[in-house]
Amino acid sequence: TSWNGGRTDYAMSVKGRFTVSRDNAKNTVYLQM
């Protein structure tokens, strides 16, 4: 993910199943699988 989550990219093997997101106010990045 980019600095603000505006751009995300995925490996083909996980695309459509995994989602990356971030909360800069909480200094945290997530991976929903």
Full PDB file with SEQRES, HELIX, SHEET, SSBOND, CRYST1, ORIGX, SCALE, CONECT and MASTER records, all heavy atoms in Angstrom:
SEQRES   1 A   33  THR SER TRP ASN GLY GLY ARG THR ASP TYR ALA MET SER          
SEQRES   2 A   33  VAL LYS GLY ARG PHE THR VAL SER ARG ASP ASN ALA LYS          
SEQRES   3 A   33  ASN THR VAL TYR LEU GLN MET                                  
HELIX    1 AA1 ASN A   24  LYS A   26  5                                   3    
SHEET    1 AA1 2 THR A  19  ASP A  23  0                                        
SHEET    2 AA1 2 THR A  28  GLN A  32 -1                                        
CRYST1    1.000    1.000    1.000  90.00  90.00  90.00 P 1           1          
ORIGX1      1.000000  0.000000  0.000000        0.00000                         
ORIGX2      0.000000  1.000000  0.000000        0.00000                         
ORIGX3      0.000000  0.000000  1.000000        0.00000                         
SCALE1      1.000000  0.000000  0.000000        0.00000                         
SCALE2      0.000000  1.000000  0.000000        0.00000                         
SCALE3      0.000000  0.000000  1.000000        0.00000                         
ATOM      1  N   THR A   1       0.831  -1.194   0.000  1.00  0.00           N  
ATOM      2  CA  THR A   1       0.000   0.000   0.000  1.00  0.00           C  
ATOM      3  C   THR A   1       0.866   1.244   0.000  1.00  0.00           C  
ATOM      4  O   THR A   1       1.959   1.261   0.564  1.00  0.00           O  
ATOM      5  CB  THR A   1      -0.954  -0.005   1.209  1.00  0.00           C  
ATOM      6  OG1 THR A   1      -1.705   1.223   1.239  1.00  0.00           O  
ATOM      7  CG2 THR A   1      -0.208  -0.130   2.525  1.00  0.00           C  
ATOM      8  N   SER A   2       0.369   2.279  -0.633  1.00  0.00           N  
ATOM      9  CA  SER A   2       1.049   3.564  -0.616  1.00  0.00           C  
ATOM     10  C   SER A   2       0.848   4.231   0.740  1.00  0.00           C  
ATOM     11  O   SER A   2       0.148   3.717   1.610  1.00  0.00           O  
ATOM     12  CB  SER A   2       0.512   4.452  -1.733  1.00  0.00           C  
ATOM     13  OG  SER A   2      -0.879   4.684  -1.540  1.00  0.00           O  
ATOM     14  N   TRP A   3       1.423   5.412   0.902  1.00  0.00           N  
ATOM     15  CA  TRP A   3       1.437   6.067   2.209  1.00  0.00           C  
ATOM     16  C   TRP A   3       0.050   6.334   2.764  1.00  0.00           C  
ATOM     17  O   TRP A   3      -0.154   6.332   3.975  1.00  0.00           O  
ATOM     18  CB  TRP A   3       2.220   7.378   2.120  1.00  0.00           C  
ATOM     19  CG  TRP A   3       1.494   8.468   1.377  1.00  0.00           C  
ATOM     20  CD1 TRP A   3       1.498   8.696   0.033  1.00  0.00           C  
ATOM     21  CD2 TRP A   3       0.652   9.471   1.961  1.00  0.00           C  
ATOM     22  NE1 TRP A   3       0.716   9.778  -0.263  1.00  0.00           N  
ATOM     23  CE2 TRP A   3       0.179  10.277   0.883  1.00  0.00           C  
ATOM     24  CE3 TRP A   3       0.254   9.764   3.251  1.00  0.00           C  
ATOM     25  CZ2 TRP A   3      -0.668  11.368   1.085  1.00  0.00           C  
ATOM     26  CZ3 TRP A   3      -0.592  10.849   3.468  1.00  0.00           C  
ATOM     27  CH2 TRP A   3      -1.051  11.629   2.387  1.00  0.00           C  
ATOM     28  N   ASN A   4      -0.925   6.540   1.890  1.00  0.00           N  
ATOM     29  CA  ASN A   4      -2.270   6.866   2.364  1.00  0.00           C  
ATOM     30  C   ASN A   4      -3.304   5.821   1.987  1.00  0.00           C  
ATOM     31  O   ASN A   4      -4.496   6.038   2.153  1.00  0.00           O  
ATOM     32  CB  ASN A   4      -2.704   8.226   1.823  1.00  0.00           C  
ATOM     33  CG  ASN A   4      -2.823   8.234   0.312  1.00  0.00           C  
ATOM     34  OD1 ASN A   4      -2.395   7.299  -0.370  1.00  0.00           O  
ATOM     35  ND2 ASN A   4      -3.417   9.284  -0.241  1.00  0.00           N  
ATOM     36  N   GLY A   5      -2.851   4.697   1.450  1.00  0.00           N  
ATOM     37  CA  GLY A   5      -3.799   3.671   1.042  1.00  0.00           C  
ATOM     38  C   GLY A   5      -4.447   3.936  -0.297  1.00  0.00           C  
ATOM     39  O   GLY A   5      -5.293   3.166  -0.743  1.00  0.00           O  
ATOM     40  N   GLY A   6      -4.034   5.033  -0.961  1.00  0.00           N  
ATOM     41  CA  GLY A   6      -4.639   5.375  -2.231  1.00  0.00           C  
ATOM     42  C   GLY A   6      -4.268   4.431  -3.364  1.00  0.00           C  
ATOM     43  O   GLY A   6      -4.977   4.330  -4.365  1.00  0.00           O  
ATOM     44  N   ARG A   7      -3.163   3.758  -3.184  1.00  0.00           N  
ATOM     45  CA  ARG A   7      -2.730   2.770  -4.170  1.00  0.00           C  
ATOM     46  C   ARG A   7      -2.431   1.473  -3.437  1.00  0.00           C  
ATOM     47  O   ARG A   7      -1.732   1.473  -2.432  1.00  0.00           O  
ATOM     48  CB  ARG A   7      -1.470   3.266  -4.896  1.00  0.00           C  
ATOM     49  CG  ARG A   7      -0.789   2.248  -5.780  1.00  0.00           C  
ATOM     50  CD  ARG A   7      -1.511   2.018  -7.099  1.00  0.00           C  
ATOM     51  NE  ARG A   7      -0.886   0.935  -7.863  1.00  0.00           N  
ATOM     52  CZ  ARG A   7       0.009   1.131  -8.822  1.00  0.00           C  
ATOM     53  NH1 ARG A   7       0.389   2.361  -9.134  1.00  0.00           N  
ATOM     54  NH2 ARG A   7       0.515   0.104  -9.476  1.00  0.00           N  
ATOM     55  N   THR A   8      -3.005   0.378  -3.916  1.00  0.00           N  
ATOM     56  CA  THR A   8      -2.719  -0.929  -3.360  1.00  0.00           C  
ATOM     57  C   THR A   8      -2.433  -1.902  -4.496  1.00  0.00           C  
ATOM     58  O   THR A   8      -2.996  -1.761  -5.596  1.00  0.00           O  
ATOM     59  CB  THR A   8      -3.890  -1.471  -2.520  1.00  0.00           C  
ATOM     60  OG1 THR A   8      -5.076  -1.502  -3.318  1.00  0.00           O  
ATOM     61  CG2 THR A   8      -4.140  -0.609  -1.286  1.00  0.00           C  
ATOM     62  N   ASP A   9      -1.593  -2.851  -4.232  1.00  0.00           N  
ATOM     63  CA  ASP A   9      -1.257  -3.874  -5.214  1.00  0.00           C  
ATOM     64  C   ASP A   9      -1.191  -5.234  -4.524  1.00  0.00           C  
ATOM     65  O   ASP A   9      -0.846  -5.315  -3.342  1.00  0.00           O  
ATOM     66  CB  ASP A   9       0.077  -3.571  -5.892  1.00  0.00           C  
ATOM     67  CG  ASP A   9      -0.034  -2.391  -6.854  1.00  0.00           C  
ATOM     68  OD1 ASP A   9      -0.825  -2.480  -7.810  1.00  0.00           O  
ATOM     69  OD2 ASP A   9       0.661  -1.384  -6.623  1.00  0.00           O  
ATOM     70  N   TYR A  10      -1.501  -6.273  -5.305  1.00  0.00           N  
ATOM     71  CA  TYR A  10      -1.574  -7.613  -4.746  1.00  0.00           C  
ATOM     72  C   TYR A  10      -0.894  -8.624  -5.657  1.00  0.00           C  
ATOM     73  O   TYR A  10      -0.878  -8.481  -6.884  1.00  0.00           O  
ATOM     74  CB  TYR A  10      -3.044  -8.037  -4.585  1.00  0.00           C  
ATOM     75  CG  TYR A  10      -3.827  -7.154  -3.647  1.00  0.00           C  
ATOM     76  CD1 TYR A  10      -4.519  -6.044  -4.120  1.00  0.00           C  
ATOM     77  CD2 TYR A  10      -3.856  -7.417  -2.281  1.00  0.00           C  
ATOM     78  CE1 TYR A  10      -5.211  -5.218  -3.269  1.00  0.00           C  
ATOM     79  CE2 TYR A  10      -4.553  -6.599  -1.418  1.00  0.00           C  
ATOM     80  CZ  TYR A  10      -5.226  -5.500  -1.915  1.00  0.00           C  
ATOM     81  OH  TYR A  10      -5.916  -4.683  -1.047  1.00  0.00           O  
ATOM     82  N   ALA A  11      -0.391  -9.666  -5.041  1.00  0.00           N  
ATOM     83  CA  ALA A  11       0.070 -10.811  -5.817  1.00  0.00           C  
ATOM     84  C   ALA A  11      -1.135 -11.494  -6.444  1.00  0.00           C  
ATOM     85  O   ALA A  11      -2.233 -11.496  -5.872  1.00  0.00           O  
ATOM     86  CB  ALA A  11       0.822 -11.785  -4.924  1.00  0.00           C  
ATOM     87  N   MET A  12      -0.929 -12.064  -7.607  1.00  0.00           N  
ATOM     88  CA  MET A  12      -2.034 -12.723  -8.301  1.00  0.00           C  
ATOM     89  C   MET A  12      -2.634 -13.844  -7.461  1.00  0.00           C  
ATOM     90  O   MET A  12      -3.837 -14.099  -7.514  1.00  0.00           O  
ATOM     91  CB  MET A  12      -1.553 -13.278  -9.630  1.00  0.00           C  
ATOM     92  CG  MET A  12      -1.319 -12.219 -10.689  1.00  0.00           C  
ATOM     93  SD  MET A  12      -2.834 -11.313 -11.067  1.00  0.00           S  
ATOM     94  CE  MET A  12      -3.829 -12.635 -11.754  1.00  0.00           C  
ATOM     95  N   SER A  13      -1.807 -14.480  -6.658  1.00  0.00           N  
ATOM     96  CA  SER A  13      -2.272 -15.625  -5.873  1.00  0.00           C  
ATOM     97  C   SER A  13      -3.259 -15.233  -4.778  1.00  0.00           C  
ATOM     98  O   SER A  13      -3.977 -16.102  -4.260  1.00  0.00           O  
ATOM     99  CB  SER A  13      -1.074 -16.353  -5.258  1.00  0.00           C  
ATOM    100  OG  SER A  13      -0.339 -15.476  -4.430  1.00  0.00           O  
ATOM    101  N   VAL A  14      -3.300 -13.952  -4.411  1.00  0.00           N  
ATOM    102  CA  VAL A  14      -4.185 -13.533  -3.327  1.00  0.00           C  
ATOM    103  C   VAL A  14      -5.209 -12.497  -3.773  1.00  0.00           C  
ATOM    104  O   VAL A  14      -6.091 -12.121  -2.980  1.00  0.00           O  
ATOM    105  CB  VAL A  14      -3.375 -12.970  -2.132  1.00  0.00           C  
ATOM    106  CG1 VAL A  14      -2.313 -13.958  -1.686  1.00  0.00           C  
ATOM    107  CG2 VAL A  14      -2.771 -11.616  -2.440  1.00  0.00           C  
ATOM    108  N   LYS A  15      -5.109 -12.034  -4.980  1.00  0.00           N  
ATOM    109  CA  LYS A  15      -6.012 -10.983  -5.450  1.00  0.00           C  
ATOM    110  C   LYS A  15      -7.463 -11.468  -5.365  1.00  0.00           C  
ATOM    111  O   LYS A  15      -7.785 -12.591  -5.765  1.00  0.00           O  
ATOM    112  CB  LYS A  15      -5.654 -10.593  -6.879  1.00  0.00           C  
ATOM    113  CG  LYS A  15      -6.328  -9.323  -7.360  1.00  0.00           C  
ATOM    114  CD  LYS A  15      -5.751  -8.864  -8.696  1.00  0.00           C  
ATOM    115  CE  LYS A  15      -4.360  -8.335  -8.546  1.00  0.00           C  
ATOM    116  NZ  LYS A  15      -3.842  -7.726  -9.789  1.00  0.00           N  
ATOM    117  N   GLY A  16      -8.300 -10.606  -4.815  1.00  0.00           N  
ATOM    118  CA  GLY A  16      -9.704 -10.959  -4.629  1.00  0.00           C  
ATOM    119  C   GLY A  16      -9.999 -11.638  -3.312  1.00  0.00           C  
ATOM    120  O   GLY A  16     -11.166 -11.763  -2.922  1.00  0.00           O  
ATOM    121  N   ARG A  17      -8.958 -12.080  -2.608  1.00  0.00           N  
ATOM    122  CA  ARG A  17      -9.136 -12.734  -1.307  1.00  0.00           C  
ATOM    123  C   ARG A  17      -8.552 -11.908  -0.165  1.00  0.00           C  
ATOM    124  O   ARG A  17      -9.078 -11.931   0.945  1.00  0.00           O  
ATOM    125  CB  ARG A  17      -8.481 -14.122  -1.315  1.00  0.00           C  
ATOM    126  CG  ARG A  17      -9.030 -15.065  -2.360  1.00  0.00           C  
ATOM    127  CD  ARG A  17      -8.469 -16.478  -2.195  1.00  0.00           C  
ATOM    128  NE  ARG A  17      -7.033 -16.543  -2.369  1.00  0.00           N  
ATOM    129  CZ  ARG A  17      -6.173 -16.986  -1.439  1.00  0.00           C  
ATOM    130  NH1 ARG A  17      -6.623 -17.399  -0.263  1.00  0.00           N  
ATOM    131  NH2 ARG A  17      -4.872 -17.024  -1.696  1.00  0.00           N  
ATOM    132  N   PHE A  18      -7.459 -11.219  -0.427  1.00  0.00           N  
ATOM    133  CA  PHE A  18      -6.776 -10.426   0.598  1.00  0.00           C  
ATOM    134  C   PHE A  18      -7.012  -8.942   0.337  1.00  0.00           C  
ATOM    135  O   PHE A  18      -7.090  -8.507  -0.822  1.00  0.00           O  
ATOM    136  CB  PHE A  18      -5.277 -10.679   0.579  1.00  0.00           C  
ATOM    137  CG  PHE A  18      -4.834 -12.036   1.060  1.00  0.00           C  
ATOM    138  CD1 PHE A  18      -5.741 -13.075   1.269  1.00  0.00           C  
ATOM    139  CD2 PHE A  18      -3.488 -12.282   1.309  1.00  0.00           C  
ATOM    140  CE1 PHE A  18      -5.326 -14.317   1.717  1.00  0.00           C  
ATOM    141  CE2 PHE A  18      -3.043 -13.519   1.765  1.00  0.00           C  
ATOM    142  CZ  PHE A  18      -3.970 -14.540   1.953  1.00  0.00           C  
ATOM    143  N   THR A  19      -7.082  -8.182   1.420  1.00  0.00           N  
ATOM    144  CA  THR A  19      -7.221  -6.737   1.317  1.00  0.00           C  
ATOM    145  C   THR A  19      -6.270  -6.061   2.298  1.00  0.00           C  
ATOM    146  O   THR A  19      -6.293  -6.373   3.500  1.00  0.00           O  
ATOM    147  CB  THR A  19      -8.657  -6.289   1.629  1.00  0.00           C  
ATOM    148  OG1 THR A  19      -9.570  -6.943   0.748  1.00  0.00           O  
ATOM    149  CG2 THR A  19      -8.797  -4.776   1.469  1.00  0.00           C  
ATOM    150  N   VAL A  20      -5.453  -5.161   1.781  1.00  0.00           N  
ATOM    151  CA  VAL A  20      -4.552  -4.385   2.627  1.00  0.00           C  
ATOM    152  C   VAL A  20      -5.167  -3.009   2.864  1.00  0.00           C  
ATOM    153  O   VAL A  20      -5.752  -2.407   1.951  1.00  0.00           O  
ATOM    154  CB  VAL A  20      -3.136  -4.268   2.002  1.00  0.00           C  
ATOM    155  CG1 VAL A  20      -3.169  -3.585   0.642  1.00  0.00           C  
ATOM    156  CG2 VAL A  20      -2.191  -3.561   2.952  1.00  0.00           C  
ATOM    157  N   SER A  21      -5.045  -2.536   4.090  1.00  0.00           N  
ATOM    158  CA  SER A  21      -5.538  -1.207   4.433  1.00  0.00           C  
ATOM    159  C   SER A  21      -4.649  -0.638   5.527  1.00  0.00           C  
ATOM    160  O   SER A  21      -3.852  -1.364   6.124  1.00  0.00           O  
ATOM    161  CB  SER A  21      -7.001  -1.263   4.896  1.00  0.00           C  
ATOM    162  OG  SER A  21      -7.120  -2.059   6.058  1.00  0.00           O  
ATOM    163  N   ARG A  22      -4.791   0.649   5.762  1.00  0.00           N  
ATOM    164  CA  ARG A  22      -3.981   1.270   6.805  1.00  0.00           C  
ATOM    165  C   ARG A  22      -4.775   2.378   7.468  1.00  0.00           C  
ATOM    166  O   ARG A  22      -5.660   3.002   6.848  1.00  0.00           O  
ATOM    167  CB  ARG A  22      -2.670   1.814   6.231  1.00  0.00           C  
ATOM    168  CG  ARG A  22      -2.821   2.931   5.226  1.00  0.00           C  
ATOM    169  CD  ARG A  22      -1.469   3.239   4.566  1.00  0.00           C  
ATOM    170  NE  ARG A  22      -0.505   3.769   5.512  1.00  0.00           N  
ATOM    171  CZ  ARG A  22       0.815   3.836   5.277  1.00  0.00           C  
ATOM    172  NH1 ARG A  22       1.299   3.382   4.132  1.00  0.00           N  
ATOM    173  NH2 ARG A  22       1.629   4.343   6.187  1.00  0.00           N  
ATOM    174  N   ASP A  23      -4.427   2.620   8.717  1.00  0.00           N  
ATOM    175  CA  ASP A  23      -5.014   3.702   9.494  1.00  0.00           C  
ATOM    176  C   ASP A  23      -3.839   4.514  10.025  1.00  0.00           C  
ATOM    177  O   ASP A  23      -3.201   4.126  11.013  1.00  0.00           O  
ATOM    178  CB  ASP A  23      -5.867   3.149  10.625  1.00  0.00           C  
ATOM    179  CG  ASP A  23      -6.592   4.234  11.403  1.00  0.00           C  
ATOM    180  OD1 ASP A  23      -6.171   5.401  11.346  1.00  0.00           O  
ATOM    181  OD2 ASP A  23      -7.562   3.912  12.087  1.00  0.00           O  
ATOM    182  N   ASN A  24      -3.542   5.617   9.359  1.00  0.00           N  
ATOM    183  CA  ASN A  24      -2.364   6.404   9.743  1.00  0.00           C  
ATOM    184  C   ASN A  24      -2.532   7.053  11.125  1.00  0.00           C  
ATOM    185  O   ASN A  24      -1.547   7.324  11.804  1.00  0.00           O  
ATOM    186  CB  ASN A  24      -2.071   7.454   8.684  1.00  0.00           C  
ATOM    187  CG  ASN A  24      -1.443   6.851   7.443  1.00  0.00           C  
ATOM    188  OD1 ASN A  24      -1.033   5.686   7.435  1.00  0.00           O  
ATOM    189  ND2 ASN A  24      -1.383   7.631   6.377  1.00  0.00           N  
ATOM    190  N   ALA A  25      -3.759   7.285  11.516  1.00  0.00           N  
ATOM    191  CA  ALA A  25      -3.986   7.853  12.853  1.00  0.00           C  
ATOM    192  C   ALA A  25      -3.612   6.860  13.950  1.00  0.00           C  
ATOM    193  O   ALA A  25      -3.277   7.253  15.066  1.00  0.00           O  
ATOM    194  CB  ALA A  25      -5.440   8.280  13.004  1.00  0.00           C  
ATOM    195  N   LYS A  26      -3.682   5.562  13.614  1.00  0.00           N  
ATOM    196  CA  LYS A  26      -3.337   4.516  14.583  1.00  0.00           C  
ATOM    197  C   LYS A  26      -1.991   3.875  14.295  1.00  0.00           C  
ATOM    198  O   LYS A  26      -1.612   2.911  14.959  1.00  0.00           O  
ATOM    199  CB  LYS A  26      -4.425   3.430  14.576  1.00  0.00           C  
ATOM    200  CG  LYS A  26      -5.788   3.914  15.050  1.00  0.00           C  
ATOM    201  CD  LYS A  26      -6.792   2.780  15.072  1.00  0.00           C  
ATOM    202  CE  LYS A  26      -8.145   3.251  15.605  1.00  0.00           C  
ATOM    203  NZ  LYS A  26      -9.149   2.161  15.631  1.00  0.00           N  
ATOM    204  N   ASN A  27      -1.283   4.398  13.294  1.00  0.00           N  
ATOM    205  CA  ASN A  27       0.031   3.835  12.928  1.00  0.00           C  
ATOM    206  C   ASN A  27      -0.051   2.334  12.685  1.00  0.00           C  
ATOM    207  O   ASN A  27       0.827   1.566  13.123  1.00  0.00           O  
ATOM    208  CB  ASN A  27       1.070   4.119  14.029  1.00  0.00           C  
ATOM    209  CG  ASN A  27       1.598   5.536  13.981  1.00  0.00           C  
ATOM    210  OD1 ASN A  27       1.020   6.407  13.334  1.00  0.00           O  
ATOM    211  ND2 ASN A  27       2.673   5.796  14.682  1.00  0.00           N  
ATOM    212  N   THR A  28      -1.077   1.910  11.999  1.00  0.00           N  
ATOM    213  CA  THR A  28      -1.301   0.483  11.816  1.00  0.00           C  
ATOM    214  C   THR A  28      -1.689   0.171  10.369  1.00  0.00           C  
ATOM    215  O   THR A  28      -2.456   0.920   9.750  1.00  0.00           O  
ATOM    216  CB  THR A  28      -2.412  -0.013  12.763  1.00  0.00           C  
ATOM    217  OG1 THR A  28      -2.038   0.279  14.119  1.00  0.00           O  
ATOM    218  CG2 THR A  28      -2.612  -1.514  12.641  1.00  0.00           C  
ATOM    219  N   VAL A  29      -1.151  -0.930   9.885  1.00  0.00           N  
ATOM    220  CA  VAL A  29      -1.545  -1.461   8.592  1.00  0.00           C  
ATOM    221  C   VAL A  29      -2.138  -2.850   8.822  1.00  0.00           C  
ATOM    222  O   VAL A  29      -1.706  -3.574   9.723  1.00  0.00           O  
ATOM    223  CB  VAL A  29      -0.358  -1.490   7.604  1.00  0.00           C  
ATOM    224  CG1 VAL A  29       0.751  -2.404   8.093  1.00  0.00           C  
ATOM    225  CG2 VAL A  29      -0.810  -1.880   6.212  1.00  0.00           C  
ATOM    226  N   TYR A  30      -3.136  -3.188   8.021  1.00  0.00           N  
ATOM    227  CA  TYR A  30      -3.869  -4.432   8.195  1.00  0.00           C  
ATOM    228  C   TYR A  30      -3.810  -5.284   6.933  1.00  0.00           C  
ATOM    229  O   TYR A  30      -3.635  -4.772   5.826  1.00  0.00           O  
ATOM    230  CB  TYR A  30      -5.349  -4.133   8.494  1.00  0.00           C  
ATOM    231  CG  TYR A  30      -5.578  -3.232   9.671  1.00  0.00           C  
ATOM    232  CD1 TYR A  30      -5.766  -1.855   9.493  1.00  0.00           C  
ATOM    233  CD2 TYR A  30      -5.588  -3.733  10.965  1.00  0.00           C  
ATOM    234  CE1 TYR A  30      -5.973  -1.012  10.568  1.00  0.00           C  
ATOM    235  CE2 TYR A  30      -5.795  -2.895  12.055  1.00  0.00           C  
ATOM    236  CZ  TYR A  30      -5.985  -1.539  11.849  1.00  0.00           C  
ATOM    237  OH  TYR A  30      -6.182  -0.705  12.927  1.00  0.00           O  
ATOM    238  N   LEU A  31      -3.983  -6.571   7.134  1.00  0.00           N  
ATOM    239  CA  LEU A  31      -4.156  -7.485   6.013  1.00  0.00           C  
ATOM    240  C   LEU A  31      -5.341  -8.386   6.335  1.00  0.00           C  
ATOM    241  O   LEU A  31      -5.240  -9.258   7.197  1.00  0.00           O  
ATOM    242  CB  LEU A  31      -2.905  -8.317   5.753  1.00  0.00           C  
ATOM    243  CG  LEU A  31      -2.980  -9.219   4.519  1.00  0.00           C  
ATOM    244  CD1 LEU A  31      -3.011  -8.360   3.241  1.00  0.00           C  
ATOM    245  CD2 LEU A  31      -1.794 -10.180   4.470  1.00  0.00           C  
ATOM    246  N   GLN A  32      -6.455  -8.135   5.663  1.00  0.00           N  
ATOM    247  CA  GLN A  32      -7.632  -8.980   5.811  1.00  0.00           C  
ATOM    248  C   GLN A  32      -7.509 -10.137   4.831  1.00  0.00           C  
ATOM    249  O   GLN A  32      -7.378  -9.906   3.619  1.00  0.00           O  
ATOM    250  CB  GLN A  32      -8.900  -8.178   5.524  1.00  0.00           C  
ATOM    251  CG  GLN A  32     -10.184  -8.994   5.600  1.00  0.00           C  
ATOM    252  CD  GLN A  32     -10.489  -9.477   7.003  1.00  0.00           C  
ATOM    253  OE1 GLN A  32     -10.373  -8.731   7.968  1.00  0.00           O  
ATOM    254  NE2 GLN A  32     -10.891 -10.751   7.115  1.00  0.00           N  
ATOM    255  N   MET A  33      -7.542 -11.344   5.344  1.00  0.00           N  
ATOM    256  CA  MET A  33      -7.361 -12.536   4.519  1.00  0.00           C  
ATOM    257  C   MET A  33      -8.620 -13.384   4.584  1.00  0.00           C  
ATOM    258  O   MET A  33      -8.980 -13.872   5.659  1.00  0.00           O  
ATOM    259  CB  MET A  33      -6.148 -13.338   5.009  1.00  0.00           C  
ATOM    260  CG  MET A  33      -4.873 -12.512   5.082  1.00  0.00           C  
ATOM    261  SD  MET A  33      -3.426 -13.515   5.501  1.00  0.00           S  
ATOM    262  CE  MET A  33      -3.843 -14.034   7.158  1.00  0.00           C  
TER     263      MET A  33                                                      
MASTER        0    0    0    1    2    0    0    6  262    1    0    3          
END                                                                             
